Protein backbone atom coordinates (compact mmCIF):
# COMPACT_ATOMS: atom_id res chain seq x y z
CA MET A 1 -39.25 14.45 29.54
CA ALA A 2 -38.83 11.11 27.82
CA LEU A 3 -35.80 10.34 29.99
CA ALA A 4 -37.63 11.33 33.18
CA ALA A 5 -40.59 9.16 32.18
CA ARG A 6 -38.30 6.13 31.85
CA ILE A 7 -36.85 6.50 35.37
CA PRO A 8 -38.47 3.95 37.69
CA SER A 9 -40.68 5.40 40.43
CA ARG A 10 -38.59 3.70 43.13
CA LEU A 11 -35.73 6.02 42.14
CA LYS A 12 -37.84 9.18 42.07
CA LEU A 13 -39.20 8.76 45.61
CA LYS A 14 -37.62 7.46 48.77
CA GLY A 15 -40.31 6.98 51.39
CA LEU A 16 -42.21 10.29 51.47
CA GLN A 17 -39.25 12.30 50.16
CA GLY A 18 -39.85 13.61 46.65
CA LYS A 19 -37.21 14.71 44.16
CA TYR A 20 -34.88 12.03 45.47
CA ILE A 21 -32.62 11.92 42.39
CA PHE A 22 -32.40 15.70 42.26
CA ARG A 23 -31.48 15.88 45.94
CA LYS A 24 -28.80 13.19 45.56
CA ALA A 25 -27.35 14.99 42.54
CA ALA A 26 -27.29 18.32 44.41
CA GLU A 27 -25.74 16.96 47.65
CA SER A 28 -22.24 18.08 46.76
CA LEU A 29 -23.44 21.49 45.54
CA LEU A 30 -25.89 22.64 48.22
CA PRO A 31 -25.72 22.87 52.00
CA ARG A 32 -27.67 20.27 53.97
CA GLN A 33 -30.07 22.92 55.40
CA VAL A 34 -31.12 23.84 51.84
CA LEU A 35 -31.61 20.23 50.77
CA ASP A 36 -33.60 19.30 53.88
CA ARG A 37 -35.81 22.37 54.31
CA PRO A 38 -39.57 22.09 53.80
CA LYS A 39 -41.22 23.06 50.58
CA ARG A 40 -42.05 26.77 50.21
CA GLY A 41 -44.78 28.47 48.26
CA PHE A 42 -44.36 31.41 45.94
CA VAL A 43 -46.88 34.24 46.06
CA ILE A 44 -47.15 36.80 43.30
CA PRO A 45 -48.37 40.33 44.16
CA ILE A 46 -51.50 40.28 41.98
CA SER A 47 -53.35 42.69 44.26
CA GLU A 48 -50.66 45.34 43.84
CA TRP A 49 -50.21 44.66 40.12
CA LEU A 50 -53.92 45.21 39.45
CA ARG A 51 -53.58 48.65 41.07
CA THR A 52 -50.34 49.58 39.27
CA ASP A 53 -48.51 47.88 36.39
CA LEU A 54 -51.37 45.69 35.12
CA LYS A 55 -54.11 48.25 35.75
CA PRO A 56 -54.38 49.72 32.21
CA MET A 57 -54.25 46.33 30.48
CA ALA A 58 -56.61 44.68 32.96
CA ARG A 59 -59.13 47.53 32.70
CA GLU A 60 -59.10 47.35 28.90
CA ILE A 61 -59.59 43.57 28.86
CA LEU A 62 -62.24 43.48 31.59
CA PHE A 63 -64.33 46.42 30.41
CA ASN A 64 -63.88 46.61 26.63
CA GLY A 65 -64.41 44.16 23.82
CA GLY A 66 -66.73 41.37 24.92
CA ALA A 67 -67.41 42.70 28.39
CA ASP A 68 -71.17 42.64 27.71
CA ASP A 69 -71.40 39.13 26.29
CA GLY A 70 -73.44 37.83 29.23
CA LEU A 71 -70.80 35.38 30.44
CA ILE A 72 -69.52 37.60 33.24
CA ASP A 73 -71.66 40.12 35.13
CA GLY A 74 -70.00 43.38 34.08
CA LYS A 75 -71.71 45.44 36.79
CA TYR A 76 -70.42 43.10 39.46
CA VAL A 77 -66.88 43.15 38.02
CA ASP A 78 -67.05 46.95 37.89
CA GLU A 79 -68.08 47.05 41.56
CA LEU A 80 -65.21 44.74 42.53
CA TRP A 81 -62.81 46.78 40.40
CA ARG A 82 -63.77 50.09 42.06
CA LYS A 83 -63.53 48.62 45.56
CA HIS A 84 -60.19 47.00 44.76
CA GLN A 85 -58.77 50.20 43.24
CA SER A 86 -59.75 52.14 46.38
CA GLY A 87 -57.18 50.10 48.28
CA LEU A 88 -59.65 49.39 51.09
CA SER A 89 -60.51 45.88 49.87
CA ASP A 90 -58.66 43.11 48.10
CA PHE A 91 -60.68 41.58 45.27
CA SER A 92 -57.63 40.45 43.33
CA ARG A 93 -58.66 36.78 43.18
CA PRO A 94 -62.02 37.22 41.41
CA LEU A 95 -60.62 40.03 39.26
CA TRP A 96 -57.63 37.90 38.28
CA THR A 97 -59.95 34.99 37.48
CA ALA A 98 -62.13 37.21 35.28
CA LEU A 99 -59.05 38.67 33.59
CA ILE A 100 -57.56 35.26 32.81
CA PHE A 101 -60.95 34.05 31.53
CA ARG A 102 -61.21 37.06 29.21
CA LEU A 103 -57.68 36.47 27.92
CA TRP A 104 -58.51 32.80 27.32
CA GLN A 105 -61.75 33.83 25.63
CA ARG A 106 -59.92 36.24 23.30
CA LYS A 107 -57.41 33.59 22.34
CA PHE A 108 -59.73 30.63 21.83
CA MET A 109 -63.28 31.94 21.29
CA HIS A 110 -62.89 35.05 19.13
CA ARG A 111 -61.17 33.77 16.03
C-alpha cells in the first residue's frame, strides 16, 4: 500500500481509464478483449443463501439473543423472514442488512 500511495496520480490514470499501470503490466499476459472490456459487477446469491445454507445461522442471529432490544422491529423482521422463506417474495436486502447489523452489534456492542 505504501508503494501504491507513492505512485503519482498521472501514472495511475490515463484520461478516464483507471488501473492504467495494471493494464500496461498485463498487456503481454492478457488478450486485448479482456483488457479493454467494460467493468463488470459481481452479485452474490444472498436471496438463495438465506433460504438454504445461511438459513439456520441467520435465523438464530435475527431471532435469538438481542432480538427484542428495541433497535430492530422483531415482528416486522419475522414477517419479512416468513415471506422470504415462502419463496414468493425476495426480502433478502432488508434481511441481510438486519443480519449484518446484528453481527456487528454482537461484535462491538455486547462485550
